[in-house]
């Protein structure tokens, strides 16, 4: 399938792809475990209403989420604030009333809110990225993030790191091309309060749309949505940065989170404990329901290869001892990983998982492929391969 998801313009737009007790931080809701549940039913996620994204301020005292009007695709951003452990009733966000706006994201310091805004009063598919800032507890007037961020094309949603780097989805690469609706992921870094030339994240680009991006404040991982196949439609994917600052091959998020419906608009709580996302139900080429879900992150985060292990060379009959990088693997929510090596390990080779060392006296020459596995406490696992060459 090519990069255009062929349902309806509104579908293309919207792809912009544990404790048993409750907490006042989350409207008194019981914490979810590994199976996603609707967040705050009848309060945030209301039956028959199309919600499509949520974001919390890092202090946990403010939230914003999007509501879509199905008749004309215009959008609203709703807002609530917590005072003395009690959340106010969510209402349309006052600074953005009268505008067609979508997909809010708080900045990591909580002083700004990123969002998308329709380019005109009638065109609710093409949007610009905008920002509204807070000073001394009061929200100011919204402003458009003009060139180089917003373009002639559609900038669907933006997410920001702690140093102000802006990650966003856009189909600007389609400008001047016929029948092109492709969305890719981009970023821009600020220098002296001015955003620099926009760069595509080439490692994450594919033949499908990549949209609905969330970047972690420390820029260690990002989550986005992309078309998977006709069976599961649009799913969430995650990618991590390795020691060389490269984005590794994105992995489809665990099947306990993705479903046969459309998953998009991810947001991870500032403590990395909960994933929020939108699950959209599609029937007869229209949206029949769209709610905000949340889930614990034990099945979201898994070990990944942070520091690739280089090839190893040894000599027949000569003892060797090699220390593997202690940061070969990382995990966002688990600091104590368990390591094993595959059964294809030669009898003369010893692997010390506590010290991350390989040692032994090779008895014959040849090429050996060793598989090292890292597991976390939630039984998520990741493998990496090491090439061991033994020479005479």
Protein backbone atom coordinates (compact mmCIF):
# COMPACT_ATOMS: atom_id res chain seq x y z
CA UNK A 1 0.00 0.00 0.00
CA UNK A 2 1.29 3.47 -0.81
CA UNK A 3 1.59 6.22 1.73
CA UNK A 4 -1.94 7.50 1.25
CA UNK A 5 -4.50 5.88 3.52
CA UNK A 6 -7.59 5.77 1.34
CA UNK A 7 -10.67 6.19 3.46
CA UNK A 8 -11.87 9.77 3.70
CA UNK A 9 -10.15 13.14 4.01
CA UNK A 10 -11.24 13.27 7.64
CA UNK A 11 -9.59 9.91 8.30
CA UNK A 12 -6.37 11.07 6.68
CA UNK A 13 -6.48 14.15 8.87
CA UNK A 14 -7.13 12.28 12.08
CA UNK A 15 -4.29 9.83 11.60
CA UNK A 16 -2.22 12.83 12.67
CA UNK A 17 -1.66 9.37 13.32
CA UNK A 18 -0.16 -0.59 39.25
CA UNK A 19 -2.21 0.19 41.97
CA UNK A 20 -5.88 -0.83 42.38
CA UNK A 21 -6.74 2.56 43.84
CA UNK A 22 -7.48 5.82 42.07
CA UNK A 23 -5.51 9.06 42.08
CA UNK A 24 -6.57 12.66 42.20
CA UNK A 25 -4.03 13.28 39.43
CA UNK A 26 -6.28 11.34 37.05
CA UNK A 27 -9.85 12.23 38.06
CA UNK A 28 -9.85 9.49 40.71
CA UNK A 29 -9.59 6.77 38.08
CA UNK A 30 -8.23 3.34 39.04
CA UNK A 31 -4.77 2.89 37.55
CA UNK A 32 -4.75 0.64 34.47
CA UNK A 33 -2.45 -2.35 34.11
CA UNK A 34 -1.37 -3.90 30.78
CA UNK A 35 -4.78 -3.77 29.07
CA UNK A 36 -5.91 -0.33 27.85
CA UNK A 37 -9.13 1.07 29.32
CA UNK A 38 -11.15 4.17 28.47
CA UNK A 39 -9.90 7.15 30.43
CA UNK A 40 -12.39 8.96 32.68
CA UNK A 41 -15.63 7.68 31.08
CA UNK A 42 -18.43 10.27 30.94
CA UNK A 43 -15.98 12.96 32.06
CA UNK A 44 -13.29 13.08 29.36
CA UNK A 45 -14.34 10.23 27.08
CA UNK A 46 -18.04 10.70 26.47
CA UNK A 47 -20.06 8.21 24.45
CA UNK A 48 -20.97 9.59 21.03
CA UNK A 49 -18.39 12.40 21.22
CA UNK A 50 -15.21 12.28 19.13
CA UNK A 51 -12.22 12.86 21.40
CA UNK A 52 -8.79 12.59 19.80
CA UNK A 53 -5.90 13.32 22.10
CA UNK A 54 -4.95 14.41 25.59
CA UNK A 55 -1.96 16.05 27.25
CA UNK A 56 -1.20 16.85 30.90
CA UNK A 57 0.99 19.63 32.19
CA UNK A 58 4.10 18.11 33.84
CA UNK A 59 2.93 19.19 37.30
CA UNK A 60 -0.26 17.14 36.80
CA UNK A 61 -2.52 20.10 37.50
CA UNK A 62 -3.70 20.98 33.97
CA UNK A 63 -4.92 18.98 31.03
CA UNK A 64 -6.09 19.65 27.49
CA UNK A 65 -7.73 17.36 24.94
CA UNK A 66 -9.28 17.64 21.50
CA UNK A 67 -12.90 17.24 20.44
CA UNK A 68 -13.84 16.89 16.78
CA UNK A 69 -17.13 18.02 15.27
CA UNK A 70 -18.13 15.29 12.85
CA UNK A 71 -20.35 17.46 10.64
CA UNK A 72 -17.63 19.83 9.36
CA UNK A 73 -14.36 18.43 10.80
CA UNK A 74 -13.73 21.57 12.84
CA UNK A 75 -12.16 21.05 16.23
CA UNK A 76 -12.13 22.36 19.77
CA UNK A 77 -9.59 22.06 22.56
CA UNK A 78 -11.05 21.46 26.01
CA UNK A 79 -9.24 22.26 29.24
CA UNK A 80 -9.41 21.53 32.96
CA UNK A 81 -7.35 22.59 35.96
CA UNK A 82 -6.93 20.88 39.33
CA UNK A 83 -7.26 22.96 42.49
CA UNK A 84 -6.83 21.39 45.95
CA UNK A 85 -7.09 17.83 44.58
CA UNK A 86 -10.30 18.59 42.65
CA UNK A 87 -10.51 18.89 38.87
CA UNK A 88 -12.74 21.57 37.40
CA UNK A 89 -15.35 20.45 34.88
CA UNK A 90 -13.65 20.30 31.45
CA UNK A 91 -14.75 23.16 29.19
CA UNK A 92 -13.61 24.65 25.86
CA UNK A 93 -10.23 26.33 26.36
CA UNK A 94 -10.96 30.06 26.67
CA UNK A 95 -7.89 31.44 24.77
CA UNK A 96 -8.80 29.34 21.71
CA UNK A 97 -12.57 29.81 21.60
CA UNK A 98 -13.94 30.59 18.16
CA UNK A 99 -11.03 28.87 16.40
CA UNK A 100 -10.89 25.47 14.74
CA UNK A 101 -8.08 23.83 16.72
CA UNK A 102 -6.76 20.33 17.33
CA UNK A 103 -4.26 18.06 19.08
CA UNK A 104 -2.89 19.94 22.11
CA UNK A 105 0.52 19.15 23.63
CA UNK A 106 1.94 20.83 26.72
CA UNK A 107 5.61 21.78 26.55
CA UNK A 108 7.85 19.91 29.04
CA UNK A 109 8.01 22.98 31.30
CA UNK A 110 4.23 23.40 31.24
CA UNK A 111 4.35 27.07 30.19
CA UNK A 112 3.21 26.54 26.59
CA UNK A 113 0.60 24.59 24.70
CA UNK A 114 1.24 23.46 21.13
CA UNK A 115 -1.73 22.82 18.85
CA UNK A 116 -2.83 22.70 15.21
CA UNK A 117 -5.19 25.28 13.74
CA UNK A 118 -7.23 25.28 10.51
CA UNK A 119 -5.74 27.50 7.82
CA UNK A 120 -9.18 28.98 7.06
CA UNK A 121 -12.72 28.97 8.38
CA UNK A 122 -13.80 26.33 5.88
CA UNK A 123 -10.63 24.27 5.31
CA UNK A 124 -10.38 22.03 8.36
CA UNK A 125 -8.03 19.48 6.81
CA UNK A 126 -5.03 21.77 6.20
CA UNK A 127 -3.59 23.12 9.44
CA UNK A 128 -0.70 25.19 10.79
CA UNK A 129 1.19 24.61 14.02
CA UNK A 130 0.54 27.22 16.70
CA UNK A 131 1.47 27.93 20.30
CA UNK A 132 -0.11 29.70 23.25
CA UNK A 133 2.09 30.67 26.19
CA UNK A 134 1.41 31.10 29.88
CA UNK A 135 2.95 33.81 32.06
CA UNK A 136 2.40 34.16 35.79
CA UNK A 137 -0.50 31.72 35.59
CA UNK A 138 -2.33 33.52 32.78
CA UNK A 139 -2.62 32.30 29.20
CA UNK A 140 -1.80 34.80 26.47
CA UNK A 141 -2.91 35.09 22.85
CA UNK A 142 -2.09 32.22 20.45
CA UNK A 143 0.44 32.69 17.66
CA UNK A 144 1.21 30.73 14.48
CA UNK A 145 4.64 29.13 14.21
CA UNK A 146 5.41 30.47 10.77
CA UNK A 147 8.19 29.50 8.35
CA UNK A 148 10.13 27.26 8.64
CA UNK A 149 7.64 25.31 10.80
CA UNK A 150 4.29 25.96 9.11
CA UNK A 151 4.22 25.68 5.33
CA UNK A 152 1.79 25.62 2.42
CA UNK A 153 1.04 22.05 3.39
CA UNK A 154 -0.57 20.45 6.45
CA UNK A 155 1.35 20.39 9.72
CA UNK A 156 -0.73 17.99 11.76
CA UNK A 157 0.65 17.98 15.30
CA UNK A 158 3.74 19.04 17.21
CA UNK A 159 5.57 17.83 20.32
CA UNK A 160 8.47 19.52 22.09
CA UNK A 161 11.62 18.46 23.98
CA UNK A 162 13.02 20.12 27.08
CA UNK A 163 15.47 22.21 25.02
CA UNK A 164 12.67 23.46 22.76
CA UNK A 165 13.32 21.20 19.77
CA UNK A 166 10.06 20.78 17.89
CA UNK A 167 9.06 17.43 16.38
CA UNK A 168 6.03 17.38 14.09
CA UNK A 169 4.29 15.60 11.24
CA UNK A 170 3.77 17.23 7.85
CA UNK A 171 3.07 16.37 4.23
CA UNK A 172 5.23 19.25 2.95
CA UNK A 173 7.15 16.79 0.80
CA UNK A 174 4.01 16.54 -1.34
CA UNK A 175 4.08 20.19 -2.39
CA UNK A 176 4.11 20.31 -6.19
CA UNK A 177 3.25 16.61 -6.55
CA UNK A 178 -0.07 15.35 -7.86
CA UNK A 179 -2.17 12.88 -5.85
CA UNK A 180 0.25 13.00 -2.93
CA UNK A 181 -0.97 13.12 0.67
CA UNK A 182 2.09 11.59 2.27
CA UNK A 183 2.94 12.57 5.84
CA UNK A 184 6.42 12.24 7.30
CA UNK A 185 8.09 13.18 10.58
CA UNK A 186 10.30 16.26 10.91
CA UNK A 187 12.14 18.27 13.55
CA UNK A 188 13.64 21.72 14.01
CA UNK A 189 16.03 22.97 16.69
CA UNK A 190 15.90 26.51 18.12
CA UNK A 191 18.95 28.76 18.12
CA UNK A 192 18.61 32.19 19.76
CA UNK A 193 14.83 31.66 19.97
CA UNK A 194 14.53 31.05 16.22
CA UNK A 195 13.75 27.67 14.70
CA UNK A 196 16.30 26.46 12.17
CA UNK A 197 15.84 24.65 8.86
CA UNK A 198 13.42 21.74 9.17
CA UNK A 199 14.95 18.25 8.89
CA UNK A 200 13.15 15.02 7.98
CA UNK A 201 13.69 12.02 10.28
CA UNK A 202 14.82 9.76 7.47
CA UNK A 203 15.27 6.65 9.66
CA UNK A 204 11.51 6.64 10.36
CA UNK A 205 10.26 7.38 6.86
CA UNK A 206 8.44 4.57 5.04
CA UNK A 207 5.96 4.00 2.22
CA UNK A 208 3.12 4.77 4.63
CA UNK A 209 2.06 7.87 6.54
CA UNK A 210 3.91 8.63 9.77
CA UNK A 211 1.91 10.99 11.97
CA UNK A 212 0.71 11.72 15.53
CA UNK A 213 4.20 12.11 16.94
CA UNK A 214 5.10 12.25 20.65
CA UNK A 215 8.70 12.99 21.61
CA UNK A 216 9.98 12.35 25.14
CA UNK A 217 11.25 15.51 26.86
CA UNK A 218 14.82 14.13 26.97
CA UNK A 219 14.62 13.04 23.29
CA UNK A 220 15.35 9.39 24.17
CA UNK A 221 12.32 7.89 22.42
CA UNK A 222 9.39 8.85 20.24
CA UNK A 223 6.02 7.28 19.45
CA UNK A 224 3.97 7.80 16.31
CA UNK A 225 1.21 6.16 14.31
CA UNK A 226 1.46 4.50 10.92
CA UNK A 227 -0.59 2.17 8.72
CA UNK A 228 0.30 -1.47 9.46
CA UNK A 229 -1.96 -3.60 7.27
CA UNK A 230 -5.61 -4.12 6.38
CA UNK A 231 -6.12 -6.33 9.43
CA UNK A 232 -5.04 -3.85 12.09
CA UNK A 233 -5.17 -0.58 10.10
CA UNK A 234 -3.29 2.21 11.93
CA UNK A 235 -1.10 1.27 14.91
CA UNK A 236 1.33 2.90 17.29
CA UNK A 237 5.09 2.48 16.78
CA UNK A 238 8.03 3.35 19.01
CA UNK A 239 11.66 4.16 18.23
CA UNK A 240 14.63 4.83 20.53
CA UNK A 241 17.88 6.73 20.03
CA UNK A 242 21.10 4.78 20.38
CA UNK A 243 24.43 5.98 21.76
CA UNK A 244 25.24 7.58 18.39
CA UNK A 245 21.98 9.61 18.47
CA UNK A 246 20.53 7.56 15.63
CA UNK A 247 16.88 6.48 15.68
CA UNK A 248 16.67 2.69 15.63
CA UNK A 249 14.22 0.79 13.44
CA UNK A 250 10.72 1.52 14.79
CA UNK A 251 8.87 -1.36 16.41
CA UNK A 252 5.12 -1.85 16.48
CA UNK A 253 3.89 -1.35 20.05
CA UNK A 254 2.78 -4.52 21.88
CA UNK A 255 -0.42 -6.21 20.72
CA UNK A 256 -2.04 -5.63 24.13
CA UNK A 257 -2.10 -1.93 23.17
CA UNK A 258 -2.65 -1.99 19.41
CA UNK A 259 -5.91 -3.47 18.16
CA UNK A 260 -7.96 -3.93 14.98
CA UNK A 261 -9.12 -0.33 15.39
CA UNK A 262 -7.16 2.86 14.69
CA UNK A 263 -4.64 3.81 17.42
CA UNK A 264 -3.09 7.26 17.27
CA UNK A 265 -2.29 10.46 19.18
CA UNK A 266 0.06 9.01 21.86
CA UNK A 267 1.08 10.85 25.02
CA UNK A 268 3.22 9.46 27.89
CA UNK A 269 2.91 10.86 31.41
CA UNK A 270 5.92 12.79 32.66
CA UNK A 271 6.86 9.91 35.02
CA UNK A 272 6.80 7.37 32.15
CA UNK A 273 4.15 5.36 34.00
CA UNK A 274 1.15 5.71 31.68
CA UNK A 275 0.50 5.84 27.95
CA UNK A 276 -2.56 7.73 26.73
CA UNK A 277 -3.79 7.36 23.16
CA UNK A 278 -6.87 7.67 20.97
CA UNK A 279 -8.67 4.59 19.69
CA UNK A 280 -10.99 5.29 16.79
CA UNK A 281 -13.72 2.96 15.55
CA UNK A 282 -14.45 3.17 11.83
CA UNK A 283 -17.64 1.88 10.23
CA UNK A 284 -19.11 2.44 6.76
CA UNK A 285 -16.38 4.99 5.94
CA UNK A 286 -17.14 7.17 8.95
CA UNK A 287 -16.12 7.50 12.56
CA UNK A 288 -18.57 5.70 14.81
CA UNK A 289 -16.72 6.31 18.09
CA UNK A 290 -13.45 7.81 19.27
CA UNK A 291 -12.27 7.69 22.87
CA UNK A 292 -9.12 8.36 24.86
CA UNK A 293 -7.57 5.26 26.44
CA UNK A 294 -4.78 4.81 28.95
CA UNK A 295 -2.57 1.88 29.95
CA UNK A 296 0.48 1.15 32.09
CA UNK A 297 3.77 1.29 30.20
CA UNK A 298 5.14 -2.15 31.14
CA UNK A 299 4.21 -3.44 27.67
CA UNK A 300 5.06 -0.19 25.89
CA UNK A 301 8.73 -0.04 26.85
CA UNK A 302 11.04 -2.97 26.17
CA UNK A 303 14.81 -3.36 26.15
CA UNK A 304 16.54 -1.90 23.11
CA UNK A 305 20.10 -1.97 21.78
CA UNK A 306 21.57 1.32 22.96
CA UNK A 307 25.29 0.60 22.47
CA UNK A 308 25.81 -1.82 19.55
CA UNK A 309 28.35 -4.54 20.31
CA UNK A 310 31.31 -4.62 17.88
CA UNK A 311 32.59 -7.80 16.21
CA UNK A 312 35.06 -9.89 18.22
CA UNK A 313 38.21 -11.66 17.01
CA UNK A 314 40.04 -14.47 18.89
CA UNK A 315 42.76 -17.06 18.23
CA UNK A 316 42.62 -20.83 18.46
CA UNK A 317 44.28 -22.09 21.65
CA UNK A 318 44.73 -18.61 23.09
CA UNK A 319 42.67 -17.42 26.08
CA UNK A 320 40.68 -14.24 25.55
CA UNK A 321 38.52 -12.03 27.72
CA UNK A 322 36.24 -9.36 26.28
CA UNK A 323 34.08 -6.88 28.19
CA UNK A 324 30.82 -6.00 26.43
CA UNK A 325 29.47 -2.46 26.85
CA UNK A 326 27.54 -2.32 30.12
CA UNK A 327 25.05 -0.09 28.35
CA UNK A 328 24.56 -2.47 25.43
CA UNK A 329 20.84 -2.45 26.27
CA UNK A 330 18.60 0.15 27.88
CA UNK A 331 14.99 0.15 29.02
CA UNK A 332 12.96 3.27 29.78
CA UNK A 333 11.22 1.80 32.83
CA UNK A 334 13.53 -0.97 34.02
CA UNK A 335 17.11 -0.51 35.20
CA UNK A 336 17.73 -4.18 36.08
CA UNK A 337 17.72 -6.32 32.95
CA UNK A 338 18.47 -10.04 32.80
CA UNK A 339 20.93 -11.21 30.12
CA UNK A 340 21.34 -14.61 28.50
CA UNK A 341 23.22 -15.95 25.50
CA UNK A 342 21.74 -18.34 22.92
CA UNK A 343 22.13 -22.12 22.92
CA UNK A 344 24.36 -21.88 19.86
CA UNK A 345 27.20 -20.74 22.13
CA UNK A 346 30.35 -22.89 21.71
CA UNK A 347 31.14 -25.16 24.67
CA UNK A 348 34.46 -23.39 25.30
CA UNK A 349 32.86 -19.94 25.57
CA UNK A 350 31.80 -18.52 28.94
CA UNK A 351 29.35 -15.63 29.33
CA UNK A 352 29.25 -13.77 32.65
CA UNK A 353 25.91 -11.96 32.54
CA UNK A 354 26.57 -10.02 35.76
CA UNK A 355 29.83 -8.55 34.47
CA UNK A 356 28.84 -8.62 30.77
CA UNK A 357 32.01 -10.45 29.74
CA UNK A 358 32.87 -13.17 27.23
CA UNK A 359 35.89 -15.40 27.81
CA UNK A 360 37.36 -18.77 26.92
CA UNK A 361 39.99 -20.69 24.99
CA UNK A 362 38.80 -21.38 21.42
CA UNK A 363 39.33 -24.98 20.30
CA UNK A 364 38.70 -24.44 16.57
CA UNK A 365 38.55 -21.67 14.06
CA UNK A 366 35.47 -20.38 12.26
CA UNK A 367 32.71 -17.79 12.32
CA UNK A 368 30.30 -17.89 15.26
CA UNK A 369 27.09 -15.86 15.60
CA UNK A 370 26.17 -15.29 19.22
CA UNK A 371 22.69 -14.13 20.23
CA UNK A 372 22.53 -12.04 23.42
CA UNK A 373 19.05 -11.51 24.89
CA UNK A 374 17.95 -8.86 27.37
CA UNK A 375 14.72 -9.32 29.38
CA UNK A 376 12.96 -6.90 31.68
CA UNK A 377 10.67 -7.59 34.64
CA UNK A 378 7.60 -7.57 32.36
CA UNK A 379 9.11 -10.40 30.25
CA UNK A 380 9.74 -8.12 27.27
CA UNK A 381 12.84 -9.27 25.40
CA UNK A 382 15.19 -7.99 22.73
CA UNK A 383 18.01 -9.82 20.96
CA UNK A 384 21.25 -8.62 19.43
CA UNK A 385 23.78 -10.61 17.43
CA UNK A 386 27.55 -10.68 17.94
CA UNK A 387 29.95 -12.00 15.29
CA UNK A 388 32.86 -13.91 16.83
CA UNK A 389 35.69 -14.76 14.41
CA UNK A 390 38.24 -17.34 15.60
CA UNK A 391 41.48 -17.51 13.57
CA UNK A 392 44.40 -19.94 13.58
